[in-house]
PDB file of N, CA and C in Angstrom:
ATOM      1  N   MET A   1      35.082  -9.810-136.401  1.00  0.00           N
ATOM      2  CA  MET A   1      36.510  -9.637-136.437  1.00  0.00           C
ATOM      3  C   MET A   1      37.007  -8.837-135.241  1.00  0.00           C
ATOM      4  N   ASN A   2      36.549  -9.216-134.072  1.00  0.00           N
ATOM      5  CA  ASN A   2      36.964  -8.503-132.871  1.00  0.00           C
ATOM      6  C   ASN A   2      37.683  -9.417-131.878  1.00  0.00           C
ATOM      7  N   ASP A   3      38.221 -10.525-132.342  1.00  0.00           N
ATOM      8  CA  ASP A   3      38.963 -11.490-131.524  1.00  0.00           C
ATOM      9  C   ASP A   3      38.117 -12.150-130.444  1.00  0.00           C
ATOM     10  N   SER A   4      36.813 -12.186-130.610  1.00  0.00           N
ATOM     11  CA  SER A   4      35.966 -12.868-129.637  1.00  0.00           C
ATOM     12  C   SER A   4      35.744 -14.318-130.076  1.00  0.00           C
ATOM     13  N   LEU A   5      35.458 -15.172-129.119  1.00  0.00           N
ATOM     14  CA  LEU A   5      35.207 -16.577-129.404  1.00  0.00           C
ATOM     15  C   LEU A   5      33.708 -16.853-129.397  1.00  0.00           C
ATOM     16  N   VAL A   6      33.267 -17.693-130.311  1.00  0.00           N
ATOM     17  CA  VAL A   6      31.871 -18.100-130.379  1.00  0.00           C
ATOM     18  C   VAL A   6      31.851 -19.617-130.400  1.00  0.00           C
ATOM     19  N   SER A   7      31.091 -20.231-129.501  1.00  0.00           N
ATOM     20  CA  SER A   7      31.035 -21.687-129.412  1.00  0.00           C
ATOM     21  C   SER A   7      29.850 -22.235-130.199  1.00  0.00           C
ATOM     22  N   TYR A   8      30.111 -23.283-130.964  1.00  0.00           N
ATOM     23  CA  TYR A   8      29.090 -23.959-131.750  1.00  0.00           C
ATOM     24  C   TYR A   8      29.047 -25.428-131.368  1.00  0.00           C
ATOM     25  N   THR A   9      27.904 -26.034-131.518  1.00  0.00           N
ATOM     26  CA  THR A   9      27.776 -27.478-131.476  1.00  0.00           C
ATOM     27  C   THR A   9      27.393 -27.925-132.874  1.00  0.00           C
ATOM     28  N   TYR A  10      27.615 -29.182-133.178  1.00  0.00           N
ATOM     29  CA  TYR A  10      27.259 -29.656-134.506  1.00  0.00           C
ATOM     30  C   TYR A  10      26.560 -31.005-134.414  1.00  0.00           C
ATOM     31  N   THR A  11      25.773 -31.273-135.425  1.00  0.00           N
ATOM     32  CA  THR A  11      25.110 -32.557-135.573  1.00  0.00           C
ATOM     33  C   THR A  11      25.506 -33.116-136.929  1.00  0.00           C
ATOM     34  N   MET A  12      25.994 -34.346-136.930  1.00  0.00           N
ATOM     35  CA  MET A  12      26.430 -34.973-138.173  1.00  0.00           C
ATOM     36  C   MET A  12      25.419 -36.032-138.586  1.00  0.00           C
ATOM     37  N   ASP A  13      25.017 -35.975-139.840  1.00  0.00           N
ATOM     38  CA  ASP A  13      24.093 -36.958-140.408  1.00  0.00           C
ATOM     39  C   ASP A  13      24.830 -37.661-141.538  1.00  0.00           C
ATOM     40  N   SER A  14      25.387 -38.844-141.255  1.00  0.00           N
ATOM     41  CA  SER A  14      26.175 -39.553-142.264  1.00  0.00           C
ATOM     42  C   SER A  14      25.304 -40.169-143.357  1.00  0.00           C
ATOM     43  N   LEU A  15      24.038 -40.354-143.088  1.00  0.00           N
ATOM     44  CA  LEU A  15      23.137 -40.885-144.102  1.00  0.00           C
ATOM     45  C   LEU A  15      22.887 -39.854-145.205  1.00  0.00           C
ATOM     46  N   HIS A  16      22.687 -38.598-144.816  1.00  0.00           N
ATOM     47  CA  HIS A  16      22.432 -37.533-145.781  1.00  0.00           C
ATOM     48  C   HIS A  16      23.675 -36.699-146.073  1.00  0.00           C
ATOM     49  N   HIS A  17      24.822 -37.091-145.513  1.00  0.00           N
ATOM     50  CA  HIS A  17      26.096 -36.392-145.716  1.00  0.00           C
ATOM     51  C   HIS A  17      25.980 -34.912-145.378  1.00  0.00           C
ATOM     52  N   SER A  18      25.577 -34.606-144.166  1.00  0.00           N
ATOM     53  CA  SER A  18      25.424 -33.202-143.787  1.00  0.00           C
ATOM     54  C   SER A  18      25.928 -32.962-142.372  1.00  0.00           C
ATOM     55  N   LEU A  19      26.380 -31.733-142.135  1.00  0.00           N
ATOM     56  CA  LEU A  19      26.761 -31.229-140.825  1.00  0.00           C
ATOM     57  C   LEU A  19      25.932 -29.988-140.570  1.00  0.00           C
ATOM     58  N   THR A  20      25.326 -29.890-139.408  1.00  0.00           N
ATOM     59  CA  THR A  20      24.528 -28.721-139.052  1.00  0.00           C
ATOM     60  C   THR A  20      25.122 -28.094-137.804  1.00  0.00           C
ATOM     61  N   PHE A  21      25.480 -26.814-137.900  1.00  0.00           N
ATOM     62  CA  PHE A  21      26.075 -26.090-136.787  1.00  0.00           C
ATOM     63  C   PHE A  21      25.025 -25.221-136.112  1.00  0.00           C
ATOM     64  N   THR A  22      25.068 -25.206-134.781  1.00  0.00           N
ATOM     65  CA  THR A  22      24.142 -24.425-133.970  1.00  0.00           C
ATOM     66  C   THR A  22      24.945 -23.700-132.903  1.00  0.00           C
ATOM     67  N   LEU A  23      24.576 -22.461-132.611  1.00  0.00           N
ATOM     68  CA  LEU A  23      25.217 -21.759-131.502  1.00  0.00           C
ATOM     69  C   LEU A  23      24.973 -22.542-130.220  1.00  0.00           C
ATOM     70  N   ARG A  24      25.949 -22.560-129.342  1.00  0.00           N
ATOM     71  CA  ARG A  24      25.873 -23.403-128.146  1.00  0.00           C
ATOM     72  C   ARG A  24      24.643 -23.104-127.289  1.00  0.00           C
ATOM     73  N   ASN A  25      24.248 -21.873-127.156  1.00  0.00           N
ATOM     74  CA  ASN A  25      23.121 -21.517-126.296  1.00  0.00           C
ATOM     75  C   ASN A  25      21.847 -21.247-127.083  1.00  0.00           C
ATOM     76  N   ASP A  26      21.758 -21.786-128.293  1.00  0.00           N
ATOM     77  CA  ASP A  26      20.597 -21.543-129.146  1.00  0.00           C
ATOM     78  C   ASP A  26      20.087 -22.886-129.668  1.00  0.00           C
ATOM     79  N   THR A  27      18.864 -22.938-130.115  1.00  0.00           N
ATOM     80  CA  THR A  27      18.314 -24.177-130.662  1.00  0.00           C
ATOM     81  C   THR A  27      18.049 -24.087-132.151  1.00  0.00           C
ATOM     82  N   VAL A  28      18.180 -22.904-132.735  1.00  0.00           N
ATOM     83  CA  VAL A  28      17.934 -22.719-134.167  1.00  0.00           C
ATOM     84  C   VAL A  28      19.227 -23.009-134.923  1.00  0.00           C
ATOM     85  N   PRO A  29      19.221 -23.928-135.905  1.00  0.00           N
ATOM     86  CA  PRO A  29      20.435 -24.204-136.685  1.00  0.00           C
ATOM     87  C   PRO A  29      20.936 -22.953-137.391  1.00  0.00           C
ATOM     88  N   LYS A  30      22.249 -22.768-137.381  1.00  0.00           N
ATOM     89  CA  LYS A  30      22.868 -21.587-137.971  1.00  0.00           C
ATOM     90  C   LYS A  30      23.267 -21.834-139.422  1.00  0.00           C
ATOM     91  N   ASP A  31      24.075 -22.845-139.656  1.00  0.00           N
ATOM     92  CA  ASP A  31      24.570 -23.150-140.997  1.00  0.00           C
ATOM     93  C   ASP A  31      24.578 -24.649-141.212  1.00  0.00           C
ATOM     94  N   SER A  32      24.492 -25.046-142.477  1.00  0.00           N
ATOM     95  CA  SER A  32      24.526 -26.461-142.833  1.00  0.00           C
ATOM     96  C   SER A  32      25.592 -26.701-143.896  1.00  0.00           C
ATOM     97  N   PHE A  33      26.360 -27.749-143.698  1.00  0.00           N
ATOM     98  CA  PHE A  33      27.335 -28.189-144.686  1.00  0.00           C
ATOM     99  C   PHE A  33      26.840 -29.486-145.299  1.00  0.00           C
ATOM    100  N   PHE A  34      26.975 -29.622-146.592  1.00  0.00           N
ATOM    101  CA  PHE A  34      26.705 -30.874-147.276  1.00  0.00           C
ATOM    102  C   PHE A  34      28.010 -31.317-147.912  1.00  0.00           C
ATOM    103  N   TYR A  35      28.352 -32.574-147.755  1.00  0.00           N
ATOM    104  CA  TYR A  35      29.639 -33.044-148.266  1.00  0.00           C
ATOM    105  C   TYR A  35      29.457 -34.288-149.111  1.00  0.00           C
ATOM    106  N   ALA A  36      30.447 -34.519-149.963  1.00  0.00           N
ATOM    107  CA  ALA A  36      30.476 -35.710-150.819  1.00  0.00           C
ATOM    108  C   ALA A  36      31.934 -36.064-151.061  1.00  0.00           C
ATOM    109  N   PHE A  37      32.183 -37.284-151.456  1.00  0.00           N
ATOM    110  CA  PHE A  37      33.535 -37.754-151.720  1.00  0.00           C
ATOM    111  C   PHE A  37      33.740 -37.947-153.213  1.00  0.00           C
ATOM    112  N   GLU A  38      34.935 -37.570-153.678  1.00  0.00           N
ATOM    113  CA  GLU A  38      35.328 -37.789-155.066  1.00  0.00           C
ATOM    114  C   GLU A  38      36.558 -38.694-155.054  1.00  0.00           C
ATOM    115  N   GLY A  39      36.435 -39.907-155.423  1.00  0.00           N
ATOM    116  CA  GLY A  39      37.577 -40.808-155.461  1.00  0.00           C
ATOM    117  C   GLY A  39      38.136 -41.092-154.080  1.00  0.00           C
ATOM    118  N   ASN A  40      39.426 -41.414-154.017  1.00  0.00           N
ATOM    119  CA  ASN A  40      40.041 -41.807-152.754  1.00  0.00           C
ATOM    120  C   ASN A  40      40.588 -40.637-151.951  1.00  0.00           C
ATOM    121  N   ASN A  41      41.060 -39.588-152.610  1.00  0.00           N
ATOM    122  CA  ASN A  41      41.783 -38.536-151.900  1.00  0.00           C
ATOM    123  C   ASN A  41      41.094 -37.174-151.912  1.00  0.00           C
ATOM    124  N   HIS A  42      39.891 -37.076-152.447  1.00  0.00           N
ATOM    125  CA  HIS A  42      39.242 -35.775-152.537  1.00  0.00           C
ATOM    126  C   HIS A  42      37.875 -35.795-151.853  1.00  0.00           C
ATOM    127  N   GLU A  43      37.541 -34.666-151.294  1.00  0.00           N
ATOM    128  CA  GLU A  43      36.249 -34.476-150.674  1.00  0.00           C
ATOM    129  C   GLU A  43      35.845 -33.036-150.962  1.00  0.00           C
ATOM    130  N   TRP A  44      34.578 -32.805-151.212  1.00  0.00           N
ATOM    131  CA  TRP A  44      34.118 -31.433-151.380  1.00  0.00           C
ATOM    132  C   TRP A  44      32.979 -31.167-150.426  1.00  0.00           C
ATOM    133  N   MET A  45      32.846 -29.916-150.034  1.00  0.00           N
ATOM    134  CA  MET A  45      31.805 -29.493-149.110  1.00  0.00           C
ATOM    135  C   MET A  45      31.098 -28.281-149.686  1.00  0.00           C
ATOM    136  N   GLU A  46      29.845 -28.174-149.372  1.00  0.00           N
ATOM    137  CA  GLU A  46      29.063 -27.020-149.783  1.00  0.00           C
ATOM    138  C   GLU A  46      28.425 -26.428-148.541  1.00  0.00           C
ATOM    139  N   LEU A  47      28.616 -25.136-148.340  1.00  0.00           N
ATOM    140  CA  LEU A  47      28.035 -24.437-147.200  1.00  0.00           C
ATOM    141  C   LEU A  47      26.850 -23.624-147.677  1.00  0.00           C
ATOM    142  N   ARG A  48      25.717 -23.835-147.061  1.00  0.00           N
ATOM    143  CA  ARG A  48      24.531 -23.033-147.337  1.00  0.00           C
ATOM    144  C   ARG A  48      24.155 -22.314-146.056  1.00  0.00           C
ATOM    145  N   SER A  49      24.305 -21.020-146.047  1.00  0.00           N
ATOM    146  CA  SER A  49      23.934 -20.253-144.862  1.00  0.00           C
ATOM    147  C   SER A  49      22.509 -19.757-145.006  1.00  0.00           C
ATOM    148  N   ARG A  50      22.039 -19.075-143.994  1.00  0.00           N
ATOM    149  CA  ARG A  50      20.664 -18.581-144.036  1.00  0.00           C
ATOM    150  C   ARG A  50      20.469 -17.549-145.140  1.00  0.00           C
ATOM    151  N   GLY A  51      21.501 -16.817-145.464  1.00  0.00           N
ATOM    152  CA  GLY A  51      21.414 -15.822-146.525  1.00  0.00           C
ATOM    153  C   GLY A  51      21.494 -16.481-147.890  1.00  0.00           C
ATOM    154  N   ALA A  52      21.773 -15.704-148.894  1.00  0.00           N
ATOM    155  CA  ALA A  52      21.822 -16.219-150.262  1.00  0.00           C
ATOM    156  C   ALA A  52      23.222 -16.704-150.638  1.00  0.00           C
ATOM    157  N   ASP A  53      24.188 -16.555-149.743  1.00  0.00           N
ATOM    158  CA  ASP A  53      25.562 -16.915-150.062  1.00  0.00           C
ATOM    159  C   ASP A  53      25.791 -18.412-149.957  1.00  0.00           C
ATOM    160  N   SER A  54      26.682 -18.918-150.794  1.00  0.00           N
ATOM    161  CA  SER A  54      27.114 -20.312-150.737  1.00  0.00           C
ATOM    162  C   SER A  54      28.626 -20.344-150.798  1.00  0.00           C
ATOM    163  N   LEU A  55      29.194 -21.380-150.232  1.00  0.00           N
ATOM    164  CA  LEU A  55      30.631 -21.550-150.226  1.00  0.00           C
ATOM    165  C   LEU A  55      30.928 -22.990-150.616  1.00  0.00           C
ATOM    166  N   TYR A  56      31.816 -23.181-151.587  1.00  0.00           N
ATOM    167  CA  TYR A  56      32.227 -24.513-152.021  1.00  0.00           C
ATOM    168  C   TYR A  56      33.687 -24.710-151.635  1.00  0.00           C
ATOM    169  N   VAL A  57      33.977 -25.804-150.967  1.00  0.00           N
ATOM    170  CA  VAL A  57      35.319 -26.093-150.483  1.00  0.00           C
ATOM    171  C   VAL A  57      35.728 -27.455-151.009  1.00  0.00           C
ATOM    172  N   ARG A  58      36.946 -27.556-151.533  1.00  0.00           N
ATOM    173  CA  ARG A  58      37.472 -28.839-151.991  1.00  0.00           C
ATOM    174  C   ARG A  58      38.687 -29.179-151.145  1.00  0.00           C
ATOM    175  N   LEU A  59      38.692 -30.360-150.567  1.00  0.00           N
ATOM    176  CA  LEU A  59      39.755 -30.803-149.673  1.00  0.00           C
ATOM    177  C   LEU A  59      40.552 -31.920-150.332  1.00  0.00           C
ATOM    178  N   HIS A  60      41.823 -31.961-150.039  1.00  0.00           N
ATOM    179  CA  HIS A  60      42.691 -33.019-150.551  1.00  0.00           C
ATOM    180  C   HIS A  60      43.329 -33.719-149.354  1.00  0.00           C
ATOM    181  N   LYS A  61      43.156 -35.021-149.280  1.00  0.00           N
ATOM    182  CA  LYS A  61      43.670 -35.801-148.160  1.00  0.00           C
ATOM    183  C   LYS A  61      45.183 -35.969-148.288  1.00  0.00           C
ATOM    184  N   LEU A  62      45.895 -35.684-147.206  1.00  0.00           N
ATOM    185  CA  LEU A  62      47.343 -35.843-147.174  1.00  0.00           C
ATOM    186  C   LEU A  62      47.707 -37.146-146.473  1.00  0.00           C
ATOM    187  N   ASP A  63      48.813 -37.721-146.884  1.00  0.00           N
ATOM    188  CA  ASP A  63      49.309 -38.933-146.252  1.00  0.00           C
ATOM    189  C   ASP A  63      49.961 -38.564-144.925  1.00  0.00           C
ATOM    190  N   LEU A  64      49.475 -39.102-143.831  1.00  0.00           N
ATOM    191  CA  LEU A  64      49.988 -38.766-142.511  1.00  0.00           C
ATOM    192  C   LEU A  64      51.438 -39.182-142.321  1.00  0.00           C
ATOM    193  N   GLN A  65      51.898 -40.160-143.055  1.00  0.00           N
ATOM    194  CA  GLN A  65      53.277 -40.630-142.918  1.00  0.00           C
ATOM    195  C   GLN A  65      54.288 -39.642-143.487  1.00  0.00           C
ATOM    196  N   ASN A  66      53.842 -38.623-144.220  1.00  0.00           N
ATOM    197  CA  ASN A  66      54.755 -37.640-144.796  1.00  0.00           C
ATOM    198  C   ASN A  66      54.944 -36.398-143.933  1.00  0.00           C
ATOM    199  N   PHE A  67      54.288 -36.316-142.783  1.00  0.00           N
ATOM    200  CA  PHE A  67      54.492 -35.182-141.898  1.00  0.00           C
ATOM    201  C   PHE A  67      55.850 -35.310-141.218  1.00  0.00           C
ATOM    202  N   PRO A  68      56.582 -34.196-141.043  1.00  0.00           N
ATOM    203  CA  PRO A  68      57.946 -34.276-140.498  1.00  0.00           C
ATOM    204  C   PRO A  68      58.045 -34.947-139.133  1.00  0.00           C
ATOM    205  N   LEU A  69      57.100 -34.690-138.242  1.00  0.00           N
ATOM    206  CA  LEU A  69      57.186 -35.277-136.904  1.00  0.00           C
ATOM    207  C   LEU A  69      57.035 -36.792-136.948  1.00  0.00           C
ATOM    208  N   VAL A  70      56.196 -37.304-137.840  1.00  0.00           N
ATOM    209  CA  VAL A  70      56.014 -38.746-137.973  1.00  0.00           C
ATOM    210  C   VAL A  70      57.172 -39.347-138.758  1.00  0.00           C
ATOM    211  N   LYS A  71      57.643 -38.641-139.761  1.00  0.00           N
ATOM    212  CA  LYS A  71      58.692 -39.156-140.647  1.00  0.00           C
ATOM    213  C   LYS A  71      60.029 -39.323-139.932  1.00  0.00           C
ATOM    214  N   ARG A  72      60.424 -38.343-139.139  1.00  0.00           N
ATOM    215  CA  ARG A  72      61.737 -38.424-138.490  1.00  0.00           C
ATOM    216  C   ARG A  72      61.646 -38.785-137.019  1.00  0.00           C
ATOM    217  N   GLY A  73      60.441 -38.871-136.477  1.00  0.00           N
ATOM    218  CA  GLY A  73      60.292 -39.235-135.070  1.00  0.00           C
ATOM    219  C   GLY A  73      60.453 -38.039-134.156  1.00  0.00           C
ATOM    220  N   TYR A  74      60.010 -38.201-132.938  1.00  0.00           N
ATOM    221  CA  TYR A  74      60.110 -37.132-131.956  1.00  0.00           C
ATOM    222  C   TYR A  74      61.335 -37.356-131.104  1.00  0.00           C
ATOM    223  N   HIS A  75      62.111 -36.303-130.891  1.00  0.00           N
ATOM    224  CA  HIS A  75      63.306 -36.388-130.062  1.00  0.00           C
ATOM    225  C   HIS A  75      63.253 -35.271-129.024  1.00  0.00           C
ATOM    226  N   TRP A  76      63.462 -35.614-127.750  1.00  0.00           N
ATOM    227  CA  TRP A  76      63.498 -34.587-126.714  1.00  0.00           C
ATOM    228  C   TRP A  76      64.693 -33.666-126.911  1.00  0.00           C
ATOM    229  N   ILE A  77      65.815 -34.230-127.280  1.00  0.00           N
ATOM    230  CA  ILE A  77      67.031 -33.459-127.499  1.00  0.00           C
ATOM    231  C   ILE A  77      67.488 -33.706-128.928  1.00  0.00           C
ATOM    232  N   ASN A  78      67.658 -32.623-129.675  1.00  0.00           N
ATOM    233  CA  ASN A  78      68.143 -32.735-131.048  1.00  0.00           C
ATOM    234  C   ASN A  78      69.615 -32.371-131.085  1.00  0.00           C
ATOM    235  N   GLU A  79      70.427 -33.223-131.681  1.00  0.00           N
ATOM    236  CA  GLU A  79      71.842 -32.926-131.836  1.00  0.00           C
ATOM    237  C   GLU A  79      72.030 -31.761-132.822  1.00  0.00           C
ATOM    238  N   TYR A  80      71.192 -31.746-133.839  1.00  0.00           N
ATOM    239  CA  TYR A  80      71.246 -30.696-134.839  1.00  0.00           C
ATOM    240  C   TYR A  80      69.818 -30.178-135.055  1.00  0.00           C
ATOM    241  N   PRO A  81      69.645 -28.865-135.201  1.00  0.00           N
ATOM    242  CA  PRO A  81      68.292 -28.341-135.419  1.00  0.00           C
ATOM    243  C   PRO A  81      67.762 -28.720-136.799  1.00  0.00           C
ATOM    244  N   LEU A  82      66.470 -28.886-136.871  1.00  0.00           N
ATOM    245  CA  LEU A  82      65.818 -29.174-138.146  1.00  0.00           C
ATOM    246  C   LEU A  82      65.413 -27.848-138.772  1.00  0.00           C
ATOM    247  N   ASN A  83      66.216 -27.358-139.672  1.00  0.00           N
ATOM    248  CA  ASN A  83      65.922 -26.114-140.366  1.00  0.00           C
ATOM    249  C   ASN A  83      65.378 -26.453-141.735  1.00  0.00           C
ATOM    250  N   ARG A  84      64.104 -26.158-141.920  1.00  0.00           N
ATOM    251  CA  ARG A  84      63.494 -26.483-143.208  1.00  0.00           C
ATOM    252  C   ARG A  84      63.624 -25.329-144.147  1.00  0.00           C
TER     253      ARG A  84
END
C-alpha cells in the first residue's frame, strides 16, 4: 500500500479453466485463479495463493448496450450537459 506498481504476466489455460499470474521478472508462479461459468450471465472465480488464504469472486455480466456512452452516442459538443 505504498502506491508502487508491480507488473505481472499471466498464462491462461482454457482447458483447465485457470489463470496463473507470475511477476514479470520472475519464473515462479505467484497466484492461480480457477474459474467456472454458471448459466449465461454469471461467472465465479477462486483465488488460491501460496498461503492458506482463498478468495471467491462472483461476477455478473452486464449488457454493453446499457452503458450511457453506447446508449446515447458520443458527441464532441453537447448542447445540454448529461447530469446523472
